[in-house]
PDB file of N, CA and C in Angstrom:
ATOM      1  N   MET A   1      75.831 -95.165  22.836  1.00  0.00           N
ATOM      2  CA  MET A   1      76.810 -95.376  22.122  1.00  0.00           C
ATOM      3  C   MET A   1      77.477 -96.178  21.616  1.00  0.00           C
ATOM      4  N   SER A   2      77.634 -97.026  21.075  1.00  0.00           N
ATOM      5  CA  SER A   2      78.775 -97.892  21.012  1.00  0.00           C
ATOM      6  C   SER A   2      79.721 -97.515  20.306  1.00  0.00           C
ATOM      7  N   CYS A   3      80.906 -97.881  20.834  1.00  0.00           N
ATOM      8  CA  CYS A   3      82.439 -97.408  20.006  1.00  0.00           C
ATOM      9  C   CYS A   3      83.067 -98.803  19.623  1.00  0.00           C
ATOM     10  N   ALA A   4      82.334-100.271  19.277  1.00  0.00           N
ATOM     11  CA  ALA A   4      83.472-101.057  19.058  1.00  0.00           C
ATOM     12  C   ALA A   4      82.492-101.092  17.057  1.00  0.00           C
ATOM     13  N   ARG A   5      83.051-101.478  16.368  1.00  0.00           N
ATOM     14  CA  ARG A   5      83.254-101.527  14.534  1.00  0.00           C
ATOM     15  C   ARG A   5      82.494-102.746  14.395  1.00  0.00           C
ATOM     16  N   ARG A   6      82.392-103.553  15.234  1.00  0.00           N
ATOM     17  CA  ARG A   6      81.698-104.638  14.681  1.00  0.00           C
ATOM     18  C   ARG A   6      81.996-105.754  16.096  1.00  0.00           C
ATOM     19  N   ARG A   7      80.383-106.030  16.430  1.00  0.00           N
ATOM     20  CA  ARG A   7      80.571-107.005  17.696  1.00  0.00           C
ATOM     21  C   ARG A   7      81.326-108.226  17.643  1.00  0.00           C
ATOM     22  N   MET A   8      81.935-108.560  18.808  1.00  0.00           N
ATOM     23  CA  MET A   8      82.885-109.779  18.768  1.00  0.00           C
ATOM     24  C   MET A   8      82.742-110.322  20.873  1.00  0.00           C
ATOM     25  N   THR A   9      82.570-111.260  21.028  1.00  0.00           N
ATOM     26  CA  THR A   9      83.195-111.659  22.237  1.00  0.00           C
ATOM     27  C   THR A   9      84.248-111.270  22.980  1.00  0.00           C
ATOM     28  N   VAL A  10      84.346-111.497  24.350  1.00  0.00           N
ATOM     29  CA  VAL A  10      85.655-111.313  24.985  1.00  0.00           C
ATOM     30  C   VAL A  10      86.560-111.869  24.297  1.00  0.00           C
ATOM     31  N   ALA A  11      86.346-113.341  24.140  1.00  0.00           N
ATOM     32  CA  ALA A  11      87.415-114.331  24.076  1.00  0.00           C
ATOM     33  C   ALA A  11      88.629-113.805  22.518  1.00  0.00           C
ATOM     34  N   GLU A  12      87.142-113.176  21.373  1.00  0.00           N
ATOM     35  CA  GLU A  12      87.810-112.859  20.725  1.00  0.00           C
ATOM     36  C   GLU A  12      88.807-111.407  20.597  1.00  0.00           C
ATOM     37  N   PHE A  13      88.208-110.634  21.375  1.00  0.00           N
ATOM     38  CA  PHE A  13      88.959-109.597  21.775  1.00  0.00           C
ATOM     39  C   PHE A  13      90.732-109.661  22.072  1.00  0.00           C
ATOM     40  N   ILE A  14      90.075-110.930  23.491  1.00  0.00           N
ATOM     41  CA  ILE A  14      91.919-111.754  23.855  1.00  0.00           C
ATOM     42  C   ILE A  14      92.215-111.674  22.892  1.00  0.00           C
ATOM     43  N   ALA A  15      92.117-112.064  22.599  1.00  0.00           N
ATOM     44  CA  ALA A  15      92.671-113.373  20.983  1.00  0.00           C
ATOM     45  C   ALA A  15      93.513-112.410  20.167  1.00  0.00           C
ATOM     46  N   GLY A  16      92.671-111.065  19.517  1.00  0.00           N
ATOM     47  CA  GLY A  16      92.909-110.550  19.085  1.00  0.00           C
ATOM     48  C   GLY A  16      93.854-109.451  19.549  1.00  0.00           C
ATOM     49  N   VAL A  17      94.148-109.139  21.113  1.00  0.00           N
ATOM     50  CA  VAL A  17      95.314-108.068  21.614  1.00  0.00           C
ATOM     51  C   VAL A  17      96.724-109.394  21.638  1.00  0.00           C
ATOM     52  N   PHE A  18      96.524-110.649  21.497  1.00  0.00           N
ATOM     53  CA  PHE A  18      97.615-111.299  22.186  1.00  0.00           C
ATOM     54  C   PHE A  18      98.056-111.443  20.600  1.00  0.00           C
ATOM     55  N   ALA A  19      96.875-111.251  18.794  1.00  0.00           N
ATOM     56  CA  ALA A  19      97.757-110.948  18.357  1.00  0.00           C
ATOM     57  C   ALA A  19      98.438-110.352  18.106  1.00  0.00           C
ATOM     58  N   GLU A  20      98.185-109.146  18.230  1.00  0.00           N
ATOM     59  CA  GLU A  20      98.492-107.905  18.030  1.00  0.00           C
ATOM     60  C   GLU A  20      99.948-108.162  19.015  1.00  0.00           C
ATOM     61  N   ALA A  21     100.130-107.727  20.225  1.00  0.00           N
ATOM     62  CA  ALA A  21     100.984-107.927  20.561  1.00  0.00           C
ATOM     63  C   ALA A  21     102.237-109.024  20.040  1.00  0.00           C
ATOM     64  N   ALA A  22     102.120-109.682  19.590  1.00  0.00           N
ATOM     65  CA  ALA A  22     103.267-110.362  19.133  1.00  0.00           C
ATOM     66  C   ALA A  22     103.690-110.238  18.349  1.00  0.00           C
ATOM     67  N   LYS A  23     103.161-109.134  17.514  1.00  0.00           N
ATOM     68  CA  LYS A  23     103.587-108.545  16.202  1.00  0.00           C
ATOM     69  C   LYS A  23     105.461-107.356  17.120  1.00  0.00           C
ATOM     70  N   HIS A  24     104.711-107.242  18.376  1.00  0.00           N
ATOM     71  CA  HIS A  24     106.098-105.724  18.241  1.00  0.00           C
ATOM     72  C   HIS A  24     106.828-106.975  19.449  1.00  0.00           C
ATOM     73  N   PRO A  25     108.329-106.350  18.745  1.00  0.00           N
ATOM     74  CA  PRO A  25     109.220-106.831  19.828  1.00  0.00           C
ATOM     75  C   PRO A  25     109.350-106.209  21.579  1.00  0.00           C
ATOM     76  N   PHE A  26     109.232-104.933  21.264  1.00  0.00           N
ATOM     77  CA  PHE A  26     108.962-104.492  22.616  1.00  0.00           C
ATOM     78  C   PHE A  26     107.934-105.079  23.709  1.00  0.00           C
ATOM     79  N   ILE A  27     107.382-105.117  23.186  1.00  0.00           N
ATOM     80  CA  ILE A  27     106.217-105.821  24.543  1.00  0.00           C
ATOM     81  C   ILE A  27     106.746-107.643  25.160  1.00  0.00           C
ATOM     82  N   HIS A  28     107.015-107.428  26.066  1.00  0.00           N
ATOM     83  CA  HIS A  28     107.392-108.810  26.259  1.00  0.00           C
ATOM     84  C   HIS A  28     106.649-109.986  27.006  1.00  0.00           C
ATOM     85  N   ASP A  29     105.425-109.635  27.343  1.00  0.00           N
ATOM     86  CA  ASP A  29     104.656-110.334  28.053  1.00  0.00           C
ATOM     87  C   ASP A  29     102.755-109.647  28.289  1.00  0.00           C
ATOM     88  N   VAL A  30     102.012-110.640  27.883  1.00  0.00           N
ATOM     89  CA  VAL A  30     100.978-110.234  27.835  1.00  0.00           C
ATOM     90  C   VAL A  30      99.919-111.224  29.366  1.00  0.00           C
ATOM     91  N   LEU A  31      99.580-110.026  30.469  1.00  0.00           N
ATOM     92  CA  LEU A  31      98.698-110.231  31.329  1.00  0.00           C
ATOM     93  C   LEU A  31      97.085-110.114  31.138  1.00  0.00           C
ATOM     94  N   LEU A  32      96.882-111.556  31.520  1.00  0.00           N
ATOM     95  CA  LEU A  32      95.366-111.305  31.634  1.00  0.00           C
ATOM     96  C   LEU A  32      95.044-110.478  32.452  1.00  0.00           C
ATOM     97  N   LEU A  33      94.487-110.045  33.353  1.00  0.00           N
ATOM     98  CA  LEU A  33      93.943-109.494  34.186  1.00  0.00           C
ATOM     99  C   LEU A  33      92.675-109.631  34.843  1.00  0.00           C
ATOM    100  N   ASP A  34      91.830-109.562  34.571  1.00  0.00           N
ATOM    101  CA  ASP A  34      90.184-109.391  34.223  1.00  0.00           C
ATOM    102  C   ASP A  34      89.863-110.674  33.273  1.00  0.00           C
ATOM    103  N   GLN A  35      89.154-110.902  33.248  1.00  0.00           N
ATOM    104  CA  GLN A  35      87.901-111.755  32.018  1.00  0.00           C
ATOM    105  C   GLN A  35      86.211-111.693  32.558  1.00  0.00           C
ATOM    106  N   THR A  36      85.505-111.601  32.488  1.00  0.00           N
ATOM    107  CA  THR A  36      83.901-111.137  32.891  1.00  0.00           C
ATOM    108  C   THR A  36      83.281-112.178  30.888  1.00  0.00           C
ATOM    109  N   ASP A  37      82.304-112.416  31.602  1.00  0.00           N
ATOM    110  CA  ASP A  37      81.187-112.560  29.833  1.00  0.00           C
ATOM    111  C   ASP A  37      81.333-111.195  28.736  1.00  0.00           C
ATOM    112  N   TYR A  38      81.298-110.252  29.424  1.00  0.00           N
ATOM    113  CA  TYR A  38      81.053-109.006  28.669  1.00  0.00           C
ATOM    114  C   TYR A  38      82.678-107.998  28.735  1.00  0.00           C
ATOM    115  N   ALA A  39      83.165-108.105  29.958  1.00  0.00           N
ATOM    116  CA  ALA A  39      84.531-107.391  29.687  1.00  0.00           C
ATOM    117  C   ALA A  39      85.800-107.934  29.911  1.00  0.00           C
ATOM    118  N   THR A  40      87.019-107.079  29.766  1.00  0.00           N
ATOM    119  CA  THR A  40      87.691-108.174  29.925  1.00  0.00           C
ATOM    120  C   THR A  40      89.393-106.457  30.337  1.00  0.00           C
ATOM    121  N   LYS A  41      90.298-106.851  31.025  1.00  0.00           N
ATOM    122  CA  LYS A  41      91.766-106.256  31.389  1.00  0.00           C
ATOM    123  C   LYS A  41      92.675-106.566  30.803  1.00  0.00           C
ATOM    124  N   LEU A  42      93.714-106.167  29.822  1.00  0.00           N
ATOM    125  CA  LEU A  42      95.280-107.021  29.602  1.00  0.00           C
ATOM    126  C   LEU A  42      96.132-106.272  30.462  1.00  0.00           C
ATOM    127  N   HIS A  43      97.365-106.313  30.264  1.00  0.00           N
ATOM    128  CA  HIS A  43      98.704-105.410  30.569  1.00  0.00           C
ATOM    129  C   HIS A  43      99.589-106.507  29.331  1.00  0.00           C
ATOM    130  N   LEU A  44      99.822-105.411  28.466  1.00  0.00           N
ATOM    131  CA  LEU A  44     100.785-105.802  27.941  1.00  0.00           C
ATOM    132  C   LEU A  44     102.570-104.951  27.976  1.00  0.00           C
ATOM    133  N   ILE A  45     103.104-105.545  28.857  1.00  0.00           N
ATOM    134  CA  ILE A  45     104.341-105.305  29.746  1.00  0.00           C
ATOM    135  C   ILE A  45     105.263-105.256  28.437  1.00  0.00           C
ATOM    136  N   ILE A  46     106.294-103.982  28.540  1.00  0.00           N
ATOM    137  CA  ILE A  46     107.173-103.997  28.375  1.00  0.00           C
ATOM    138  C   ILE A  46     108.646-103.475  28.916  1.00  0.00           C
ATOM    139  N   ARG A  47     108.116-103.402  30.167  1.00  0.00           N
ATOM    140  CA  ARG A  47     109.581-103.546  31.007  1.00  0.00           C
ATOM    141  C   ARG A  47     108.783-103.526  32.411  1.00  0.00           C
ATOM    142  N   THR A  48     109.323-103.547  34.048  1.00  0.00           N
ATOM    143  CA  THR A  48     109.186-103.318  34.891  1.00  0.00           C
ATOM    144  C   THR A  48     107.964-102.517  35.302  1.00  0.00           C
ATOM    145  N   ASP A  49     108.005-101.048  34.230  1.00  0.00           N
ATOM    146  CA  ASP A  49     107.514 -99.787  35.289  1.00  0.00           C
ATOM    147  C   ASP A  49     107.017 -99.296  33.430  1.00  0.00           C
ATOM    148  N   LEU A  50     106.536 -99.979  32.647  1.00  0.00           N
ATOM    149  CA  LEU A  50     106.263 -99.344  31.964  1.00  0.00           C
ATOM    150  C   LEU A  50     105.132-100.970  30.958  1.00  0.00           C
ATOM    151  N   PHE A  51     104.055-100.500  30.280  1.00  0.00           N
ATOM    152  CA  PHE A  51     103.293-101.616  30.057  1.00  0.00           C
ATOM    153  C   PHE A  51     102.115-100.529  29.542  1.00  0.00           C
ATOM    154  N   VAL A  52     101.674-101.386  28.430  1.00  0.00           N
ATOM    155  CA  VAL A  52      99.850-101.058  27.269  1.00  0.00           C
ATOM    156  C   VAL A  52      98.656-101.377  28.264  1.00  0.00           C
ATOM    157  N   GLN A  53      97.950-100.796  29.038  1.00  0.00           N
ATOM    158  CA  GLN A  53      96.860-101.394  29.700  1.00  0.00           C
ATOM    159  C   GLN A  53      95.810-101.355  28.404  1.00  0.00           C
ATOM    160  N   VAL A  54      94.868-102.421  28.271  1.00  0.00           N
ATOM    161  CA  VAL A  54      94.076-102.040  27.798  1.00  0.00           C
ATOM    162  C   VAL A  54      92.569-102.756  28.512  1.00  0.00           C
ATOM    163  N   TYR A  55      91.372-102.184  28.047  1.00  0.00           N
ATOM    164  CA  TYR A  55      90.306-101.900  28.097  1.00  0.00           C
ATOM    165  C   TYR A  55      89.460-102.427  27.473  1.00  0.00           C
ATOM    166  N   ALA A  56      88.319-103.725  27.166  1.00  0.00           N
ATOM    167  CA  ALA A  56      87.103-103.474  26.760  1.00  0.00           C
ATOM    168  C   ALA A  56      86.214-104.224  27.192  1.00  0.00           C
ATOM    169  N   ASN A  57      85.254-104.081  27.243  1.00  0.00           N
ATOM    170  CA  ASN A  57      83.340-103.944  27.573  1.00  0.00           C
ATOM    171  C   ASN A  57      83.009-104.267  25.909  1.00  0.00           C
ATOM    172  N   VAL A  58      82.694-105.827  25.318  1.00  0.00           N
ATOM    173  CA  VAL A  58      82.101-106.013  24.358  1.00  0.00           C
ATOM    174  C   VAL A  58      80.116-106.181  23.994  1.00  0.00           C
ATOM    175  N   GLN A  59      79.956-105.681  25.558  1.00  0.00           N
ATOM    176  CA  GLN A  59      78.525-104.980  25.301  1.00  0.00           C
ATOM    177  C   GLN A  59      77.961-103.557  25.339  1.00  0.00           C
ATOM    178  N   SER A  60      79.070-103.245  25.728  1.00  0.00           N
ATOM    179  CA  SER A  60      78.639-101.834  25.534  1.00  0.00           C
ATOM    180  C   SER A  60      79.675-100.870  24.230  1.00  0.00           C
ATOM    181  N   GLY A  61      80.693-101.438  24.115  1.00  0.00           N
ATOM    182  CA  GLY A  61      81.456-101.344  23.031  1.00  0.00           C
ATOM    183  C   GLY A  61      82.569-100.177  23.584  1.00  0.00           C
ATOM    184  N   THR A  62      82.535-100.140  24.933  1.00  0.00           N
ATOM    185  CA  THR A  62      83.874 -99.068  25.499  1.00  0.00           C
ATOM    186  C   THR A  62      85.126-100.117  25.475  1.00  0.00           C
ATOM    187  N   ARG A  63      85.761 -98.641  24.596  1.00  0.00           N
ATOM    188  CA  ARG A  63      87.199 -99.044  25.154  1.00  0.00           C
ATOM    189  C   ARG A  63      88.003 -98.443  25.812  1.00  0.00           C
ATOM    190  N   GLY A  64      89.175 -98.759  26.104  1.00  0.00           N
ATOM    191  CA  GLY A  64      90.286 -97.812  26.852  1.00  0.00           C
ATOM    192  C   GLY A  64      91.654 -98.681  26.555  1.00  0.00           C
ATOM    193  N   TYR A  65      92.314 -97.374  26.209  1.00  0.00           N
ATOM    194  CA  TYR A  65      94.093 -98.244  25.530  1.00  0.00           C
ATOM    195  C   TYR A  65      94.601 -96.983  26.497  1.00  0.00           C
ATOM    196  N   ALA A  66      95.364 -97.318  27.775  1.00  0.00           N
ATOM    197  CA  ALA A  66      96.708 -96.498  27.958  1.00  0.00           C
ATOM    198  C   ALA A  66      97.941 -96.867  28.208  1.00  0.00           C
ATOM    199  N   VAL A  67      99.167 -95.994  27.442  1.00  0.00           N
ATOM    200  CA  VAL A  67      99.833 -96.145  28.322  1.00  0.00           C
ATOM    201  C   VAL A  67     100.841 -95.673  29.290  1.00  0.00           C
ATOM    202  N   VAL A  68     101.448 -96.462  30.156  1.00  0.00           N
ATOM    203  CA  VAL A  68     101.481 -96.746  31.390  1.00  0.00           C
ATOM    204  C   VAL A  68     102.958 -96.720  32.225  1.00  0.00           C
ATOM    205  N   TYR A  69     103.322 -95.214  32.705  1.00  0.00           N
ATOM    206  CA  TYR A  69     104.338 -95.466  33.381  1.00  0.00           C
ATOM    207  C   TYR A  69     105.159 -95.218  34.176  1.00  0.00           C
ATOM    208  N   ARG A  70     105.652 -96.482  34.988  1.00  0.00           N
ATOM    209  CA  ARG A  70     105.908 -95.642  36.057  1.00  0.00           C
ATOM    210  C   ARG A  70     104.010 -95.177  37.463  1.00  0.00           C
ATOM    211  N   GLY A  71     103.280 -96.067  37.020  1.00  0.00           N
ATOM    212  CA  GLY A  71     101.525 -95.938  37.761  1.00  0.00           C
ATOM    213  C   GLY A  71     101.060 -94.420  37.093  1.00  0.00           C
ATOM    214  N   GLN A  72     101.093 -93.659  36.260  1.00  0.00           N
ATOM    215  CA  GLN A  72     100.723 -92.619  35.896  1.00  0.00           C
ATOM    216  C   GLN A  72     100.916 -92.755  34.126  1.00  0.00           C
ATOM    217  N   ARG A  73      99.422 -92.322  33.659  1.00  0.00           N
ATOM    218  CA  ARG A  73      98.687 -92.383  32.353  1.00  0.00           C
ATOM    219  C   ARG A  73      99.965 -91.786  31.013  1.00  0.00           C
ATOM    220  N   ILE A  74     100.480 -91.756  30.373  1.00  0.00           N
ATOM    221  CA  ILE A  74     100.724 -90.907  29.139  1.00  0.00           C
ATOM    222  C   ILE A  74     100.655 -90.701  28.068  1.00  0.00           C
ATOM    223  N   TYR A  75      99.637 -91.519  27.614  1.00  0.00           N
ATOM    224  CA  TYR A  75      99.945 -91.828  26.156  1.00  0.00           C
ATOM    225  C   TYR A  75      98.067 -92.295  26.254  1.00  0.00           C
ATOM    226  N   GLY A  76      97.104 -92.006  25.951  1.00  0.00           N
ATOM    227  CA  GLY A  76      95.909 -93.042  26.306  1.00  0.00           C
ATOM    228  C   GLY A  76      94.603 -92.535  24.615  1.00  0.00           C
ATOM    229  N   ARG A  77      93.734 -93.559  24.341  1.00  0.00           N
ATOM    230  CA  ARG A  77      92.705 -93.021  23.719  1.00  0.00           C
ATOM    231  C   ARG A  77      91.417 -94.312  24.447  1.00  0.00           C
ATOM    232  N   ASP A  78      90.295 -93.200  24.867  1.00  0.00           N
ATOM    233  CA  ASP A  78      89.256 -94.412  25.324  1.00  0.00           C
ATOM    234  C   ASP A  78      88.405 -93.654  24.091  1.00  0.00           C
ATOM    235  N   CYS A  79      87.132 -95.333  24.450  1.00  0.00           N
ATOM    236  CA  CYS A  79      86.078 -94.317  24.100  1.00  0.00           C
ATOM    237  C   CYS A  79      84.733 -94.752  24.942  1.00  0.00           C
ATOM    238  N   ASP A  80      83.884 -94.187  25.267  1.00  0.00           N
ATOM    239  CA  ASP A  80      83.208 -93.971  26.714  1.00  0.00           C
ATOM    240  C   ASP A  80      81.415 -93.886  25.865  1.00  0.00           C
ATOM    241  N   ALA A  81      80.857 -93.689  26.408  1.00  0.00           N
ATOM    242  CA  ALA A  81      79.602 -93.282  25.958  1.00  0.00           C
ATOM    243  C   ALA A  81      79.316 -92.001  25.572  1.00  0.00           C
ATOM    244  N   GLN A  82      80.605 -90.982  25.799  1.00  0.00           N
ATOM    245  CA  GLN A  82      80.613 -89.726  24.299  1.00  0.00           C
ATOM    246  C   GLN A  82      81.281 -89.675  23.645  1.00  0.00           C
ATOM    247  N   GLY A  83      81.412 -91.482  23.089  1.00  0.00           N
ATOM    248  CA  GLY A  83      82.604 -91.315  22.038  1.00  0.00           C
ATOM    249  C   GLY A  83      84.394 -91.825  22.105  1.00  0.00           C
ATOM    250  N   TRP A  84      85.165 -91.329  21.351  1.00  0.00           N
ATOM    251  CA  TRP A  84      86.155 -91.599  21.147  1.00  0.00           C
ATOM    252  C   TRP A  84      86.900 -89.967  21.871  1.00  0.00           C
ATOM    253  N   HIS A  85      87.369 -90.417  22.767  1.00  0.00           N
ATOM    254  CA  HIS A  85      89.002 -89.013  23.222  1.00  0.00           C
ATOM    255  C   HIS A  85      89.618 -89.681  23.078  1.00  0.00           C
ATOM    256  N   ARG A  86      91.072 -88.539  22.868  1.00  0.00           N
ATOM    257  CA  ARG A  86      92.597 -88.902  23.043  1.00  0.00           C
ATOM    258  C   ARG A  86      92.789 -88.240  24.189  1.00  0.00           C
ATOM    259  N   HIS A  87      94.063 -89.355  24.777  1.00  0.00           N
ATOM    260  CA  HIS A  87      95.059 -88.378  25.775  1.00  0.00           C
ATOM    261  C   HIS A  87      96.251 -88.407  25.431  1.00  0.00           C
ATOM    262  N   PRO A  88      96.487 -86.634  25.093  1.00  0.00           N
ATOM    263  CA  PRO A  88      97.525 -86.491  24.232  1.00  0.00           C
ATOM    264  C   PRO A  88      98.780 -87.352  25.068  1.00  0.00           C
ATOM    265  N   ALA A  89     100.172 -86.790  24.134  1.00  0.00           N
ATOM    266  CA  ALA A  89     100.996 -87.300  24.972  1.00  0.00           C
ATOM    267  C   ALA A  89     101.368 -85.955  26.024  1.00  0.00           C
ATOM    268  N   LEU A  90     101.202 -85.245  25.951  1.00  0.00           N
ATOM    269  CA  LEU A  90     101.884 -83.963  26.049  1.00  0.00           C
ATOM    270  C   LEU A  90     101.401 -83.166  27.297  1.00  0.00           C
ATOM    271  N   ARG A  91      99.987 -83.583  27.380  1.00  0.00           N
ATOM    272  CA  ARG A  91      98.853 -83.264  28.270  1.00  0.00           C
ATOM    273  C   ARG A  91      97.998 -84.710  28.566  1.00  0.00           C
ATOM    274  N   PRO A  92      98.170 -85.621  28.853  1.00  0.00           N
ATOM    275  CA  PRO A  92      97.699 -86.479  29.196  1.00  0.00           C
ATOM    276  C   PRO A  92      96.015 -87.213  30.279  1.00  0.00           C
ATOM    277  N   GLU A  93      96.045 -85.593  30.638  1.00  0.00           N
ATOM    278  CA  GLU A  93      94.757 -85.685  32.018  1.00  0.00           C
ATOM    279  C   GLU A  93      94.228 -84.983  31.225  1.00  0.00           C
ATOM    280  N   THR A  94      94.387 -84.485  30.040  1.00  0.00           N
ATOM    281  CA  THR A  94      92.970 -83.066  29.119  1.00  0.00           C
ATOM    282  C   THR A  94      92.293 -84.722  28.335  1.00  0.00           C
ATOM    283  N   HIS A  95      91.320 -83.979  27.556  1.00  0.00           N
ATOM    284  CA  HIS A  95      90.718 -84.758  26.687  1.00  0.00           C
ATOM    285  C   HIS A  95      90.460 -84.351  25.277  1.00  0.00           C
ATOM    286  N   ASP A  96      90.913 -85.053  24.679  1.00  0.00           N
ATOM    287  CA  ASP A  96      91.410 -84.431  22.893  1.00  0.00           C
ATOM    288  C   ASP A  96      90.484 -85.499  22.116  1.00  0.00           C
ATOM    289  N   VAL A  97      89.724 -83.560  21.769  1.00  0.00           N
ATOM    290  CA  VAL A  97      88.287 -84.299  21.124  1.00  0.00           C
ATOM    291  C   VAL A  97      87.984 -83.737  19.505  1.00  0.00           C
ATOM    292  N   SER A  98      89.341 -83.207  19.092  1.00  0.00           N
ATOM    293  CA  SER A  98      89.473 -82.449  17.970  1.00  0.00           C
ATOM    294  C   SER A  98      89.328 -83.756  16.992  1.00  0.00           C
ATOM    295  N   ASP A  99      89.422 -83.625  15.909  1.00  0.00           N
ATOM    296  CA  ASP A  99      88.574 -84.642  14.785  1.00  0.00           C
ATOM    297  C   ASP A  99      89.748 -85.932  14.825  1.00  0.00           C
ATOM    298  N   GLU A 100      91.374 -85.757  14.756  1.00  0.00           N
ATOM    299  CA  GLU A 100      92.120 -87.078  15.135  1.00  0.00           C
ATOM    300  C   GLU A 100      91.539 -87.815  16.375  1.00  0.00           C
ATOM    301  N   GLY A 101      91.637 -86.397  17.846  1.00  0.00           N
ATOM    302  CA  GLY A 101      91.324 -87.331  19.178  1.00  0.00           C
ATOM    303  C   GLY A 101      89.689 -88.032  19.064  1.00  0.00           C
ATOM    304  N   LYS A 102      89.171 -87.965  18.216  1.00  0.00           N
ATOM    305  CA  LYS A 102      87.432 -88.450  17.846  1.00  0.00           C
ATOM    306  C   LYS A 102      87.897 -89.376  17.307  1.00  0.00           C
ATOM    307  N   ARG A 103      88.406 -90.046  16.294  1.00  0.00           N
ATOM    308  CA  ARG A 103      88.886 -91.092  15.207  1.00  0.00           C
ATOM    309  C   ARG A 103      89.097 -92.013  15.850  1.00  0.00           C
ATOM    310  N   ALA A 104      87.991 -93.368  15.509  1.00  0.00           N
ATOM    311  CA  ALA A 104      88.221 -94.067  16.329  1.00  0.00           C
ATOM    312  C   ALA A 104      89.431 -95.679  16.189  1.00  0.00           C
ATOM    313  N   VAL A 105      90.059 -96.031  16.758  1.00  0.00           N
ATOM    314  CA  VAL A 105      91.065 -96.926  16.663  1.00  0.00           C
ATOM    315  C   VAL A 105      90.953 -98.493  17.403  1.00  0.00           C
ATOM    316  N   GLU A 106      91.726 -98.933  16.928  1.00  0.00           N
ATOM    317  CA  GLU A 106      91.166-100.345  17.457  1.00  0.00           C
ATOM    318  C   GLU A 106      93.071-100.407  18.155  1.00  0.00           C
ATOM    319  N   ILE A 107      93.310-101.764  18.810  1.00  0.00           N
ATOM    320  CA  ILE A 107      94.387-102.333  19.188  1.00  0.00           C
ATOM    321  C   ILE A 107      95.365-102.375  18.662  1.00  0.00           C
ATOM    322  N   ARG A 108      95.549-102.610  16.764  1.00  0.00           N
ATOM    323  CA  ARG A 108      96.417-102.275  16.153  1.00  0.00           C
ATOM    324  C   ARG A 108      96.922-101.181  16.200  1.00  0.00           C
ATOM    325  N   GLU A 109      96.486-100.488  16.129  1.00  0.00           N
ATOM    326  CA  GLU A 109      97.116 -99.129  15.541  1.00  0.00           C
ATOM    327  C   GLU A 109      97.308 -98.519  16.633  1.00  0.00           C
ATOM    328  N   PHE A 110      96.127 -98.523  17.989  1.00  0.00           N
ATOM    329  CA  PHE A 110      97.166 -98.090  19.227  1.00  0.00           C
ATOM    330  C   PHE A 110      98.531 -98.251  19.400  1.00  0.00           C
ATOM    331  N   LEU A 111      98.632-100.047  19.203  1.00  0.00           N
ATOM    332  CA  LEU A 111     100.438-100.412  19.085  1.00  0.00           C
ATOM    333  C   LEU A 111     101.716 -99.941  18.641  1.00  0.00           C
ATOM    334  N   PHE A 112     100.804 -98.994  17.478  1.00  0.00           N
ATOM    335  CA  PHE A 112     101.893 -98.188  16.740  1.00  0.00           C
ATOM    336  C   PHE A 112     101.502 -96.854  17.188  1.00  0.00           C
ATOM    337  N   GLU A 113     100.899 -96.540  17.804  1.00  0.00           N
ATOM    338  CA  GLU A 113     101.008 -94.999  18.242  1.00  0.00           C
ATOM    339  C   GLU A 113     101.674 -95.108  19.445  1.00  0.00           C
ATOM    340  N   ALA A 114     101.700 -95.934  20.192  1.00  0.00           N
ATOM    341  CA  ALA A 114     102.147 -96.349  21.279  1.00  0.00           C
ATOM    342  C   ALA A 114     103.732 -96.310  21.137  1.00  0.00           C
ATOM    343  N   ALA A 115     104.209 -97.324  20.548  1.00  0.00           N
ATOM    344  CA  ALA A 115     105.507 -97.307  19.629  1.00  0.00           C
ATOM    345  C   ALA A 115     106.564 -96.196  19.303  1.00  0.00           C
ATOM    346  N   ASP A 116     105.697 -94.659  18.620  1.00  0.00           N
ATOM    347  CA  ASP A 116     106.030 -93.972  18.002  1.00  0.00           C
ATOM    348  C   ASP A 116     106.264 -93.149  19.995  1.00  0.00           C
ATOM    349  N   ILE A 117     105.432 -93.371  20.485  1.00  0.00           N
ATOM    350  CA  ILE A 117     105.475 -92.153  21.707  1.00  0.00           C
ATOM    351  C   ILE A 117     106.726 -92.649  22.387  1.00  0.00           C
ATOM    352  N   LEU A 118     106.923 -94.483  22.518  1.00  0.00           N
ATOM    353  CA  LEU A 118     107.595 -94.484  23.394  1.00  0.00           C
ATOM    354  C   LEU A 118     108.691 -94.060  22.930  1.00  0.00           C
ATOM    355  N   GLU A 119     109.194 -93.869  21.544  1.00  0.00           N
ATOM    356  CA  GLU A 119     110.441 -93.342  21.032  1.00  0.00           C
ATOM    357  C   GLU A 119     110.320 -92.216  20.828  1.00  0.00           C
ATOM    358  N   GLU A 120     109.579 -91.844  21.300  1.00  0.00           N
ATOM    359  CA  GLU A 120     110.077 -89.975  21.315  1.00  0.00           C
ATOM    360  C   GLU A 120     110.330 -89.732  22.306  1.00  0.00           C
ATOM    361  N   HIS A 121     109.722 -90.756  23.642  1.00  0.00           N
ATOM    362  CA  HIS A 121     109.556 -90.222  24.745  1.00  0.00           C
ATOM    363  C   HIS A 121     111.406 -90.933  25.646  1.00  0.00           C
ATOM    364  N   GLU A 122     112.397 -91.481  24.670  1.00  0.00           N
ATOM    365  CA  GLU A 122     112.973 -92.689  24.892  1.00  0.00           C
ATOM    366  C   GLU A 122     113.254 -93.381  25.529  1.00  0.00           C
ATOM    367  N   LEU A 123     111.872 -94.363  25.657  1.00  0.00           N
ATOM    368  CA  LEU A 123     111.665 -95.226  26.511  1.00  0.00           C
ATOM    369  C   LEU A 123     111.359 -96.789  25.928  1.00  0.00           C
ATOM    370  N   LEU A 124     112.046 -96.350  24.293  1.00  0.00           N
ATOM    371  CA  LEU A 124     112.057 -98.036  24.244  1.00  0.00           C
ATOM    372  C   LEU A 124     114.006 -97.854  23.971  1.00  0.00           C
TER     373      LEU A 124
END
């Protein structure tokens, strides 16, 4: 199962992440951690102990978005072979496969969700 709404190159995905991150003043830097022909991993730095991790494999369509605080995921959305699921803020170790949890999101929407959760947890 492909999770991507449309096929894109790794370079296009990375450019999209940089563009969306630039729209959010709480993101202070974007680090490109890994890039291959088909996959990439980035950290959107909020502060030294808080970042958004973004992963994409454009060949398989997999996506992974996570808010990481002090080394632990506190919220996330992923798409793998089984499809989309959410890791809710109150129980990030679980998989939410409700209609809302299974809803596909792109980086733009995830960053708005992340901002809401960070504000709720008084991390912004």
